C-alpha atoms as a PDB file:
ATOM      1  CA  MET A   1     122.006 119.032 100.749  1.00  0.00           C
ATOM      2  CA  SER A   2     123.375 118.027  97.375  1.00  0.00           C
ATOM      3  CA  GLY A   3     124.744 114.621  98.339  1.00  0.00           C
ATOM      4  CA  ILE A   4     127.596 115.063  95.831  1.00  0.00           C
ATOM      5  CA  SER A   5     131.098 116.412  96.372  1.00  0.00           C
ATOM      6  CA  ILE A   6     132.964 118.333  93.672  1.00  0.00           C
ATOM      7  CA  LEU A   7     136.663 117.964  92.858  1.00  0.00           C
ATOM      8  CA  ILE A   8     138.190 120.713  90.692  1.00  0.00           C
ATOM      9  CA  LEU A   9     141.761 120.227  89.464  1.00  0.00           C
ATOM     10  CA  THR A  10     143.732 123.437  89.016  1.00  0.00           C
ATOM     11  CA  ARG A  11     147.090 124.959  88.234  1.00  0.00           C
ATOM     12  CA  ASN A  12     147.260 128.704  87.566  1.00  0.00           C
ATOM     13  CA  GLU A  13     143.588 128.862  86.603  1.00  0.00           C
ATOM     14  CA  GLN A  14     142.584 132.298  87.886  1.00  0.00           C
ATOM     15  CA  GLU A  15     140.895 133.118  84.556  1.00  0.00           C
ATOM     16  CA  ASN A  16     138.903 129.893  84.298  1.00  0.00           C
ATOM     17  CA  LEU A  17     138.110 129.028  87.893  1.00  0.00           C
ATOM     18  CA  PRO A  18     135.340 131.590  88.629  1.00  0.00           C
ATOM     19  CA  GLY A  19     133.134 130.247  85.823  1.00  0.00           C
ATOM     20  CA  CYS A  20     133.731 126.667  86.886  1.00  0.00           C
ATOM     21  CA  LEU A  21     132.923 127.448  90.514  1.00  0.00           C
ATOM     22  CA  GLN A  22     129.718 129.151  89.460  1.00  0.00           C
ATOM     23  CA  SER A  23     128.607 126.057  87.523  1.00  0.00           C
ATOM     24  CA  VAL A  24     129.074 123.795  90.561  1.00  0.00           C
ATOM     25  CA  ALA A  25     127.771 126.203  93.200  1.00  0.00           C
ATOM     26  CA  TRP A  26     124.763 123.900  93.731  1.00  0.00           C
ATOM     27  CA  SER A  27     127.036 121.577  95.777  1.00  0.00           C
ATOM     28  CA  ASP A  28     127.834 122.323  99.418  1.00  0.00           C
ATOM     29  CA  ASP A  29     131.125 120.383  99.305  1.00  0.00           C
ATOM     30  CA  ILE A  30     133.508 121.842  96.717  1.00  0.00           C
ATOM     31  CA  HIS A  31     137.191 120.935  96.798  1.00  0.00           C
ATOM     32  CA  VAL A  32     139.898 122.608  94.692  1.00  0.00           C
ATOM     33  CA  TYR A  33     142.902 120.310  94.264  1.00  0.00           C
ATOM     34  CA  ASP A  34     145.688 122.707  93.316  1.00  0.00           C
ATOM     35  CA  SER A  35     149.205 121.876  92.116  1.00  0.00           C
ATOM     36  CA  MET A  36     150.926 124.872  93.735  1.00  0.00           C
ATOM     37  CA  SER A  37     149.526 127.674  91.583  1.00  0.00           C
ATOM     38  CA  SER A  38     151.542 130.896  91.530  1.00  0.00           C
ATOM     39  CA  ASP A  39     148.561 133.108  90.651  1.00  0.00           C
ATOM     40  CA  ASP A  40     145.316 133.856  92.549  1.00  0.00           C
ATOM     41  CA  THR A  41     143.733 130.428  91.982  1.00  0.00           C
ATOM     42  CA  SER A  42     143.733 129.425  95.660  1.00  0.00           C
ATOM     43  CA  ALA A  43     142.491 132.803  96.850  1.00  0.00           C
ATOM     44  CA  ILE A  44     139.614 132.752  94.347  1.00  0.00           C
ATOM     45  CA  ALA A  45     138.634 129.257  95.504  1.00  0.00           C
ATOM     46  CA  GLU A  46     138.716 130.218  99.184  1.00  0.00           C
ATOM     47  CA  ARG A  47     136.651 133.358  98.610  1.00  0.00           C
ATOM     48  CA  ALA A  48     134.026 131.179  96.938  1.00  0.00           C
ATOM     49  CA  GLY A  49     133.891 128.904  99.982  1.00  0.00           C
ATOM     50  CA  ALA A  50     135.753 125.975  98.434  1.00  0.00           C
ATOM     51  CA  ARG A  51     138.226 123.894 100.407  1.00  0.00           C
ATOM     52  CA  VAL A  52     141.729 124.002  98.899  1.00  0.00           C
ATOM     53  CA  THR A  53     144.228 121.142  98.963  1.00  0.00           C
ATOM     54  CA  GLN A  54     147.667 121.939  97.544  1.00  0.00           C
ATOM     55  CA  ARG A  55     150.207 119.331  96.495  1.00  0.00           C
ATOM     56  CA  VAL A  56     153.381 119.486  94.412  1.00  0.00           C
ATOM     57  CA  TYR A  57     152.764 118.072  90.958  1.00  0.00           C
ATOM     58  CA  ASP A  58     156.154 117.689  89.262  1.00  0.00           C
ATOM     59  CA  SER A  59     156.755 121.427  89.626  1.00  0.00           C
ATOM     60  CA  GLN A  60     159.727 121.383  87.255  1.00  0.00           C
ATOM     61  CA  ARG A  61     157.278 121.150  84.359  1.00  0.00           C
ATOM     62  CA  ILE A  62     155.062 123.895  82.977  1.00  0.00           C
ATOM     63  CA  PHE A  63     152.236 121.399  82.541  1.00  0.00           C
ATOM     64  CA  GLY A  64     151.866 117.862  83.745  1.00  0.00           C
ATOM     65  CA  GLY A  65     153.682 115.220  85.712  1.00  0.00           C
ATOM     66  CA  ASP A  66     152.487 111.768  86.688  1.00  0.00           C
ATOM     67  CA  GLU A  67     148.836 112.636  86.191  1.00  0.00           C
ATOM     68  CA  GLY A  68     147.549 109.185  87.097  1.00  0.00           C
ATOM     69  CA  GLU A  69     149.326 109.150  90.454  1.00  0.00           C
ATOM     70  CA  TYR A  70     148.398 112.766  91.185  1.00  0.00           C
ATOM     71  CA  ARG A  71     144.694 112.318  90.509  1.00  0.00           C
ATOM     72  CA  THR A  72     144.514 109.016  92.388  1.00  0.00           C
ATOM     73  CA  TRP A  73     146.123 110.646  95.445  1.00  0.00           C
ATOM     74  CA  GLY A  74     143.347 113.231  95.419  1.00  0.00           C
ATOM     75  CA  LEU A  75     140.630 110.570  95.409  1.00  0.00           C
ATOM     76  CA  ARG A  76     142.294 108.708  98.280  1.00  0.00           C
ATOM     77  CA  ASN A  77     143.275 111.609 100.543  1.00  0.00           C
ATOM     78  CA  ILE A  78     140.909 114.546 100.163  1.00  0.00           C
ATOM     79  CA  PRO A  79     138.195 114.409 102.877  1.00  0.00           C
ATOM     80  CA  PHE A  80     135.039 114.441 100.774  1.00  0.00           C
ATOM     81  CA  LYS A  81     131.766 114.934 102.604  1.00  0.00           C
ATOM     82  CA  TYR A  82     129.772 112.617 100.353  1.00  0.00           C
ATOM     83  CA  PRO A  83     130.358 109.141  98.865  1.00  0.00           C
ATOM     84  CA  TRP A  84     129.930 110.397  95.294  1.00  0.00           C
ATOM     85  CA  VAL A  85     132.398 112.835  93.681  1.00  0.00           C
ATOM     86  CA  PHE A  86     132.116 114.741  90.417  1.00  0.00           C
ATOM     87  CA  VAL A  87     135.553 115.495  88.923  1.00  0.00           C
ATOM     88  CA  ILE A  88     135.900 118.598  86.763  1.00  0.00           C
ATOM     89  CA  ASP A  89     138.682 120.755  85.309  1.00  0.00           C
ATOM     90  CA  ALA A  90     138.732 124.531  85.719  1.00  0.00           C
ATOM     91  CA  ASP A  91     138.029 125.154  82.020  1.00  0.00           C
ATOM     92  CA  GLU A  92     134.867 123.022  82.130  1.00  0.00           C
ATOM     93  CA  ARG A  93     131.296 123.937  83.054  1.00  0.00           C
ATOM     94  CA  MET A  94     128.386 121.761  84.178  1.00  0.00           C
ATOM     95  CA  THR A  95     125.160 122.452  82.283  1.00  0.00           C
ATOM     96  CA  PRO A  96     121.795 122.476  84.134  1.00  0.00           C
ATOM     97  CA  GLU A  97     120.780 119.267  82.332  1.00  0.00           C
ATOM     98  CA  LEU A  98     123.936 117.509  83.498  1.00  0.00           C
ATOM     99  CA  ILE A  99     123.401 118.675  87.079  1.00  0.00           C
ATOM    100  CA  SER A 100     119.920 117.155  87.054  1.00  0.00           C
ATOM    101  CA  SER A 101     121.260 113.890  85.611  1.00  0.00           C
ATOM    102  CA  VAL A 102     124.029 113.701  88.223  1.00  0.00           C
ATOM    103  CA  GLN A 103     121.597 114.199  91.085  1.00  0.00           C
ATOM    104  CA  ALA A 104     119.196 111.601  89.684  1.00  0.00           C
ATOM    105  CA  ALA A 105     121.993 109.053  89.207  1.00  0.00           C
ATOM    106  CA  VAL A 106     123.194 109.408  92.790  1.00  0.00           C
ATOM    107  CA  ALA A 107     119.632 109.076  94.099  1.00  0.00           C
ATOM    108  CA  LEU A 108     119.218 105.781  92.217  1.00  0.00           C
ATOM    109  CA  PRO A 109     122.631 104.409  91.077  1.00  0.00           C
ATOM    110  CA  GLN A 110     121.272 100.920  90.253  1.00  0.00           C
ATOM    111  CA  GLY A 111     124.520  99.208  91.186  1.00  0.00           C
ATOM    112  CA  MET A 112     126.776 101.548  89.217  1.00  0.00           C
ATOM    113  CA  VAL A 113     130.015 102.802  90.807  1.00  0.00           C
ATOM    114  CA  ALA A 114     130.714 105.481  88.180  1.00  0.00           C
ATOM    115  CA  PHE A 115     129.069 107.379  85.327  1.00  0.00           C
ATOM    116  CA  ASP A 116     130.489 108.996  82.237  1.00  0.00           C
ATOM    117  CA  VAL A 117     129.363 112.240  80.652  1.00  0.00           C
ATOM    118  CA  GLN A 118     129.437 113.681  77.164  1.00  0.00           C
ATOM    119  CA  ARG A 119     131.757 116.656  76.881  1.00  0.00           C
ATOM    120  CA  ARG A 120     131.247 119.438  74.351  1.00  0.00           C
ATOM    121  CA  ASP A 121     134.513 121.080  73.294  1.00  0.00           C
ATOM    122  CA  PHE A 122     134.209 124.610  71.906  1.00  0.00           C
ATOM    123  CA  PHE A 123     136.587 126.292  69.440  1.00  0.00           C
ATOM    124  CA  MET A 124     136.147 129.407  67.309  1.00  0.00           C
ATOM    125  CA  GLY A 125     132.774 129.923  68.936  1.00  0.00           C
ATOM    126  CA  ILE A 126     131.255 126.587  67.908  1.00  0.00           C
ATOM    127  CA  TRP A 127     130.801 123.146  69.420  1.00  0.00           C
ATOM    128  CA  LEU A 128     133.213 120.666  67.841  1.00  0.00           C
ATOM    129  CA  ARG A 129     130.428 118.168  67.436  1.00  0.00           C
ATOM    130  CA  HIS A 130     132.204 115.752  65.075  1.00  0.00           C
ATOM    131  CA  VAL A 131     135.986 116.133  65.191  1.00  0.00           C
ATOM    132  CA  GLN A 132     136.518 114.870  68.742  1.00  0.00           C
ATOM    133  CA  ALA A 133     138.149 111.430  69.010  1.00  0.00           C
ATOM    134  CA  SER A 134     135.847 110.564  71.912  1.00  0.00           C
ATOM    135  CA  PRO A 135     133.458 112.855  73.791  1.00  0.00           C
ATOM    136  CA  PHE A 136     132.807 110.550  76.772  1.00  0.00           C
ATOM    137  CA  TYR A 137     134.638 110.790  80.102  1.00  0.00           C
ATOM    138  CA  LEU A 138     134.106 109.140  83.482  1.00  0.00           C
ATOM    139  CA  ARG A 139     133.497 112.017  85.892  1.00  0.00           C
ATOM    140  CA  LEU A 140     130.932 110.956  88.505  1.00  0.00           C
ATOM    141  CA  LEU A 141     132.375 108.201  90.662  1.00  0.00           C
ATOM    142  CA  ARG A 142     132.801 106.540  94.024  1.00  0.00           C
ATOM    143  CA  PRO A 143     136.412 107.453  94.991  1.00  0.00           C
ATOM    144  CA  GLU A 144     137.146 104.123  96.661  1.00  0.00           C
ATOM    145  CA  LYS A 145     136.141 102.326  93.447  1.00  0.00           C
ATOM    146  CA  ALA A 146     138.298 104.332  91.034  1.00  0.00           C
ATOM    147  CA  HIS A 147     141.893 105.104  90.179  1.00  0.00           C
ATOM    148  CA  TYR A 148     143.796 106.674  87.283  1.00  0.00           C
ATOM    149  CA  GLU A 149     146.524 105.300  85.032  1.00  0.00           C
ATOM    150  CA  ARG A 150     149.080 106.840  82.620  1.00  0.00           C
ATOM    151  CA  LEU A 151     151.451 109.805  82.959  1.00  0.00           C
ATOM    152  CA  ILE A 152     149.221 112.131  80.942  1.00  0.00           C
ATOM    153  CA  ASN A 153     145.775 112.000  79.333  1.00  0.00           C
ATOM    154  CA  CYS A 154     145.105 109.400  81.969  1.00  0.00           C
ATOM    155  CA  VAL A 155     142.496 106.664  81.827  1.00  0.00           C
ATOM    156  CA  THR A 156     139.957 106.287  84.638  1.00  0.00           C
ATOM    157  CA  VAL A 157     139.730 102.687  85.834  1.00  0.00           C
ATOM    158  CA  VAL A 158     136.795 101.612  87.998  1.00  0.00           C
ATOM    159  CA  ASP A 159     136.122  98.477  89.992  1.00  0.00           C
ATOM    160  CA  GLY A 160     132.538  97.844  88.969  1.00  0.00           C
ATOM    161  CA  GLU A 161     129.935  98.854  86.424  1.00  0.00           C
ATOM    162  CA  ALA A 162     129.750 102.314  84.858  1.00  0.00           C
ATOM    163  CA  GLY A 163     126.688 104.037  83.437  1.00  0.00           C
ATOM    164  CA  ARG A 164     126.121 107.098  81.267  1.00  0.00           C
ATOM    165  CA  LEU A 165     124.517 110.427  82.152  1.00  0.00           C
ATOM    166  CA  GLY A 166     122.390 112.787  80.138  1.00  0.00           C
ATOM    167  CA  GLY A 167     123.276 116.436  79.649  1.00  0.00           C
ATOM    168  CA  TYR A 168     126.603 117.975  78.665  1.00  0.00           C
ATOM    169  CA  LEU A 169     129.852 119.040  80.268  1.00  0.00           C
ATOM    170  CA  ASP A 170     131.031 122.115  78.365  1.00  0.00           C
ATOM    171  CA  HIS A 171     134.783 122.485  77.783  1.00  0.00           C
ATOM    172  CA  PHE A 172     136.636 125.598  76.612  1.00  0.00           C
ATOM    173  CA  PRO A 173     140.220 124.462  75.884  1.00  0.00           C
ATOM    174  CA  PHE A 174     141.094 127.519  73.764  1.00  0.00           C
ATOM    175  CA  ASN A 175     139.773 130.314  75.957  1.00  0.00           C
ATOM    176  CA  ARG A 176     143.361 131.302  76.839  1.00  0.00           C
ATOM    177  CA  GLY A 177     144.434 131.358  73.209  1.00  0.00           C
ATOM    178  CA  VAL A 178     145.935 128.963  70.665  1.00  0.00           C
ATOM    179  CA  ALA A 179     149.500 129.772  71.816  1.00  0.00           C
ATOM    180  CA  TYR A 180     148.654 128.555  75.325  1.00  0.00           C
ATOM    181  CA  TRP A 181     147.080 125.372  73.891  1.00  0.00           C
ATOM    182  CA  ILE A 182     150.240 124.687  71.844  1.00  0.00           C
ATOM    183  CA  GLU A 183     152.536 125.372  74.810  1.00  0.00           C
ATOM    184  CA  ARG A 184     150.515 123.021  76.990  1.00  0.00           C
ATOM    185  CA  HIS A 185     150.424 120.264  74.374  1.00  0.00           C
ATOM    186  CA  ASN A 186     154.134 120.582  73.754  1.00  0.00           C
ATOM    187  CA  CYS A 187     154.573 119.571  77.408  1.00  0.00           C
ATOM    188  CA  TYR A 188     151.923 116.882  77.100  1.00  0.00           C
ATOM    189  CA  SER A 189     153.712 115.403  74.086  1.00  0.00           C
ATOM    190  CA  THR A 190     156.910 115.041  76.142  1.00  0.00           C
ATOM    191  CA  LEU A 191     155.033 112.954  78.694  1.00  0.00           C
ATOM    192  CA  GLU A 192     153.244 110.942  76.011  1.00  0.00           C
ATOM    193  CA  ALA A 193     156.615 110.157  74.412  1.00  0.00           C
ATOM    194  CA  LYS A 194     158.001 109.123  77.796  1.00  0.00           C
ATOM    195  CA  HIS A 195     155.008 106.874  78.342  1.00  0.00           C
ATOM    196  CA  ALA A 196     155.378 105.331  74.877  1.00  0.00           C
ATOM    197  CA  LEU A 197     159.073 104.643  75.467  1.00  0.00           C
ATOM    198  CA  GLU A 198     158.346 103.039  78.832  1.00  0.00           C
ATOM    199  CA  ASN A 199     155.704 100.795  77.268  1.00  0.00           C
ATOM    200  CA  LYS A 200     158.175  99.845  74.549  1.00  0.00           C
ATOM    201  CA  THR A 201     160.843  98.988  77.143  1.00  0.00           C
ATOM    202  CA  LYS A 202     158.386  96.966  79.218  1.00  0.00           C
ATOM    203  CA  ALA A 203     156.929  95.328  76.110  1.00  0.00           C
ATOM    204  CA  THR A 204     153.459  96.223  77.358  1.00  0.00           C
ATOM    205  CA  GLU A 205     150.929  93.719  76.081  1.00  0.00           C
ATOM    206  CA  TYR A 206     147.917  94.692  74.087  1.00  0.00           C
ATOM    207  CA  HIS A 207     145.204  92.736  72.329  1.00  0.00           C
ATOM    208  CA  TRP A 208     143.839  93.971  69.038  1.00  0.00           C
ATOM    209  CA  ARG A 209     140.577  92.096  69.591  1.00  0.00           C
ATOM    210  CA  LYS A 210     140.010  93.974  72.851  1.00  0.00           C
ATOM    211  CA  ALA A 211     140.863  97.234  71.078  1.00  0.00           C
ATOM    212  CA  LEU A 212     138.032  96.599  68.629  1.00  0.00           C
ATOM    213  CA  THR A 213     135.432  94.451  70.364  1.00  0.00           C
ATOM    214  CA  SER A 214     135.669  94.797  74.150  1.00  0.00           C
ATOM    215  CA  ARG A 215     132.297  95.544  75.739  1.00  0.00           C
ATOM    216  CA  SER A 216     134.017  98.063  78.021  1.00  0.00           C
ATOM    217  CA  PHE A 217     134.567 101.427  76.318  1.00  0.00           C
ATOM    218  CA  TYR A 218     137.490 102.151  78.645  1.00  0.00           C
ATOM    219  CA  GLU A 219     139.168  98.782  78.055  1.00  0.00           C
ATOM    220  CA  ARG A 220     138.838  99.377  74.307  1.00  0.00           C
ATOM    221  CA  ARG A 221     140.368 102.829  74.709  1.00  0.00           C
ATOM    222  CA  TYR A 222     143.285 101.471  76.746  1.00  0.00           C
ATOM    223  CA  HIS A 223     144.225  98.884  74.122  1.00  0.00           C
ATOM    224  CA  GLN A 224     143.558 101.278  71.246  1.00  0.00           C
ATOM    225  CA  LYS A 225     146.089 103.741  72.687  1.00  0.00           C
ATOM    226  CA  ILE A 226     148.803 101.068  72.854  1.00  0.00           C
ATOM    227  CA  LEU A 227     147.959  99.833  69.363  1.00  0.00           C
ATOM    228  CA  PHE A 228     147.900 103.372  67.958  1.00  0.00           C
ATOM    229  CA  TYR A 229     151.388 104.163  69.258  1.00  0.00           C
ATOM    230  CA  ARG A 230     152.776 101.203  67.306  1.00  0.00           C
ATOM    231  CA  MET A 231     151.373 102.339  63.977  1.00  0.00           C
ATOM    232  CA  PRO A 232     153.419 104.168  61.296  1.00  0.00           C
ATOM    233  CA  CYS A 233     152.389 107.585  59.911  1.00  0.00           C
ATOM    234  CA  ARG A 234     150.349 108.347  63.020  1.00  0.00           C
ATOM    235  CA  PRO A 235     150.001 112.123  62.450  1.00  0.00           C
ATOM    236  CA  MET A 236     148.464 111.545  59.015  1.00  0.00           C
ATOM    237  CA  ILE A 237     146.284 108.726  60.306  1.00  0.00           C
ATOM    238  CA  LYS A 238     145.044 110.934  63.127  1.00  0.00           C
ATOM    239  CA  PHE A 239     144.160 113.774  60.759  1.00  0.00           C
ATOM    240  CA  PHE A 240     142.359 111.387  58.371  1.00  0.00           C
ATOM    241  CA  TRP A 241     140.478 109.771  61.251  1.00  0.00           C
ATOM    242  CA  LEU A 242     139.357 113.039  62.857  1.00  0.00           C
ATOM    243  CA  TYR A 243     138.581 114.983  59.706  1.00  0.00           C
ATOM    244  CA  PHE A 244     137.130 112.359  57.369  1.00  0.00           C
ATOM    245  CA  VAL A 245     136.094 109.300  59.414  1.00  0.00           C
ATOM    246  CA  LYS A 246     134.758 111.202  62.440  1.00  0.00           C
ATOM    247  CA  GLY A 247     133.310 113.911  60.201  1.00  0.00           C
ATOM    248  CA  GLY A 248     135.410 116.866  61.299  1.00  0.00           C
ATOM    249  CA  PHE A 249     134.750 118.517  57.935  1.00  0.00           C
ATOM    250  CA  LEU A 250     131.184 119.060  59.152  1.00  0.00           C
ATOM    251  CA  ASP A 251     132.582 121.388  61.839  1.00  0.00           C
ATOM    252  CA  GLY A 252     133.794 123.815  59.169  1.00  0.00           C
ATOM    253  CA  ARG A 253     136.977 125.859  59.578  1.00  0.00           C
ATOM    254  CA  ALA A 254     137.117 125.060  63.294  1.00  0.00           C
ATOM    255  CA  GLY A 255     137.060 121.325  62.548  1.00  0.00           C
ATOM    256  CA  LEU A 256     139.819 121.619  59.960  1.00  0.00           C
ATOM    257  CA  THR A 257     142.006 123.702  62.266  1.00  0.00           C
ATOM    258  CA  TYR A 258     141.452 121.382  65.215  1.00  0.00           C
ATOM    259  CA  ALA A 259     142.273 118.267  63.150  1.00  0.00           C
ATOM    260  CA  PHE A 260     145.526 119.926  62.011  1.00  0.00           C
ATOM    261  CA  LEU A 261     146.423 120.892  65.588  1.00  0.00           C
ATOM    262  CA  GLN A 262     145.842 117.337  66.791  1.00  0.00           C
ATOM    263  CA  SER A 263     147.975 115.882  63.989  1.00  0.00           C
ATOM    264  CA  ILE A 264     150.770 118.356  64.841  1.00  0.00           C
ATOM    265  CA  TYR A 265     150.516 117.302  68.487  1.00  0.00           C
ATOM    266  CA  GLU A 266     150.838 113.682  67.379  1.00  0.00           C
ATOM    267  CA  TYR A 267     153.923 114.580  65.334  1.00  0.00           C
ATOM    268  CA  PHE A 268     155.504 116.165  68.416  1.00  0.00           C
ATOM    269  CA  ILE A 269     155.129 112.790  70.147  1.00  0.00           C
ATOM    270  CA  VAL A 270     156.649 110.924  67.182  1.00  0.00           C
ATOM    271  CA  LEU A 271     159.670 113.245  67.105  1.00  0.00           C
ATOM    272  CA  LYS A 272     160.252 112.961  70.857  1.00  0.00           C
ATOM    273  CA  VAL A 273     160.037 109.159  70.774  1.00  0.00           C
ATOM    274  CA  ARG A 274     162.647 109.115  68.011  1.00  0.00           C
ATOM    275  CA  GLU A 275     164.913 111.691  69.649  1.00  0.00           C
ATOM    276  CA  PRO A 276     166.872 109.252  71.890  1.00  0.00           C
ATOM    277  CA  GLU A 277     167.620 107.143  68.793  1.00  0.00           C
ATOM    278  CA  ASP A 278     168.416 110.095  66.517  1.00  0.00           C
ATOM    279  CA  PRO A 279     170.216 112.692  68.687  1.00  0.00           C
ATOM    280  CA  MET A 280     170.679 116.145  67.223  1.00  0.00           C
END
């Protein structure tokens, strides 16, 4: 018995899901949380022995909805067999080293209620070792101690201490092509703009000291996001940060291309935030 449940989030992932399922086949409690896929995603999951839960996820959109609410519902309502759950997307793969770390952490959690992992994003056949804004994500958690916030690119919030695991979670965001990545991030930028406008309307508070010095990585990230959205020239700042400060130039042509794509994505958000004020 593995002692760990798996939660895979899907929407039209028939190309990616088989590889993901193979990487988590060590668990005897695999759940696929599907937002009404129109392809063979559910059938592939069922043939592999996974339990499928389907729920409408803002089906008017190509990608996305209220991601925080959607993910939190899954943690609260899916009948997991074990108290610990590892959350993974269909285009991600658990490495053997990560599997060993996950099993060791659950055997001796030392008071932790969640653990984050280091993700390796691959593009143009190489690991983007430097150009990522942050490679750490909370993925192993106690469902009753966690929830998600934000409409998109949500933040995992836990009630308790979080540790860090060894090994890597491999991510292949471009394995369906650059056009698919752009289409998806065009939708994401709409939700990010909506979120930014809502924060502006609500006058959401942030603290620059917490953005820089908080002991909690996730609290820092939360306040950094709010602070970042209030800065001018964000697309240029993002490119400079990823390519020069983070060392994206060390990732070669892939790093340069990825930094440009991320700055373009940021510009989409800027344009969509301005759109209500500057109608066409």
